[in-house]
Protein backbone atom coordinates (compact mmCIF):
# COMPACT_ATOMS: atom_id res chain seq x y z
CA MET A 1 26.89 -77.33 -26.32
CA PRO A 2 28.60 -74.13 -26.26
CA GLY A 3 31.00 -73.28 -29.13
CA TRP A 4 29.38 -75.73 -31.19
CA VAL A 5 28.37 -74.27 -34.88
CA VAL A 6 25.06 -75.91 -36.41
CA GLU A 7 24.46 -75.62 -39.80
CA TYR A 8 21.71 -77.34 -41.67
CA THR A 9 21.52 -78.50 -45.02
CA ILE A 10 19.44 -76.89 -47.70
CA SER A 11 17.82 -79.79 -48.59
CA ALA A 12 15.92 -80.02 -45.11
CA THR A 13 14.82 -76.38 -45.33
CA THR A 14 13.80 -77.07 -49.02
CA PHE A 15 11.84 -80.12 -48.08
CA LEU A 16 9.87 -77.99 -45.74
CA ALA A 17 9.57 -75.11 -47.70
CA ILE A 18 7.76 -77.45 -50.25
CA PHE A 19 5.88 -79.24 -47.48
CA ILE A 20 4.53 -75.89 -46.08
CA VAL A 21 3.41 -74.72 -49.92
CA VAL A 22 1.78 -77.98 -50.57
CA ARG A 23 -0.12 -77.34 -47.05
CA LEU A 24 -1.20 -74.06 -47.96
CA ARG A 25 -2.34 -74.71 -51.22
CA ARG A 26 -5.42 -76.40 -49.55
CA ARG A 27 -8.89 -74.67 -49.59
CA THR A 28 -9.23 -72.54 -46.11
CA GLU A 29 -12.42 -74.23 -45.46
CA ALA A 30 -11.05 -77.86 -45.19
CA ARG A 31 -8.80 -76.68 -42.43
CA SER A 32 -9.49 -77.68 -38.83
CA ARG A 33 -7.88 -75.58 -36.21
CA VAL A 34 -5.74 -78.34 -35.36
CA ASP A 35 -4.75 -78.53 -39.27
CA GLU A 36 -3.84 -74.65 -39.24
CA ALA A 37 -1.92 -74.97 -35.95
CA PHE A 38 0.43 -77.92 -37.50
CA THR A 39 0.73 -75.64 -40.67
CA VAL A 40 1.96 -72.51 -38.63
CA PHE A 41 4.42 -74.52 -36.25
CA THR A 42 6.00 -76.14 -39.09
CA ALA A 43 6.36 -72.40 -40.98
CA VAL A 44 8.07 -71.46 -37.84
CA VAL A 45 10.19 -74.42 -37.33
CA PHE A 46 11.37 -73.47 -41.23
CA GLY A 47 11.93 -69.85 -40.27
CA VAL A 48 14.01 -70.91 -37.38
CA LEU A 49 16.22 -73.42 -39.87
CA ILE A 50 16.50 -71.12 -42.60
CA ALA A 51 17.72 -68.54 -40.14
CA ALA A 52 20.92 -70.20 -39.78
CA THR A 53 21.58 -70.28 -43.63
CA ALA A 54 23.22 -67.61 -46.21
CA TRP A 55 19.62 -67.30 -47.51
CA GLY A 56 18.55 -66.58 -44.35
CA ARG A 57 20.75 -64.13 -43.77
CA ALA A 58 19.87 -62.44 -46.95
CA ILE A 59 16.67 -62.91 -46.95
CA LEU A 60 17.01 -60.72 -42.98
CA GLN A 61 19.08 -57.84 -44.99
CA LEU A 62 16.19 -57.44 -47.97
CA VAL A 63 13.65 -57.08 -45.26
CA GLY A 64 16.04 -54.63 -43.10
CA ILE A 65 16.15 -52.74 -46.23
CA ALA A 66 12.83 -52.95 -47.16
CA ALA A 67 11.72 -51.61 -43.69
CA ASP A 68 14.46 -48.80 -43.89
CA ALA A 69 12.65 -47.66 -47.21
CA THR A 70 9.18 -47.40 -45.74
CA ARG A 71 10.37 -45.00 -43.04
């Protein structure tokens, strides 16, 4: 709905981050295409969830500073 501000708790994003790290620690040869696609999907969802937090804005600023430094 318009005008609503949605903020996610850090616990949800922390759980997703741990889940992604555990999935990425597996050997590449042991993954199927569906498994890799699911890992990418969860990483994208994690990015969307963390973007709405203060940590997400801080990461965006750091990436922006790094991009400006490489010009």
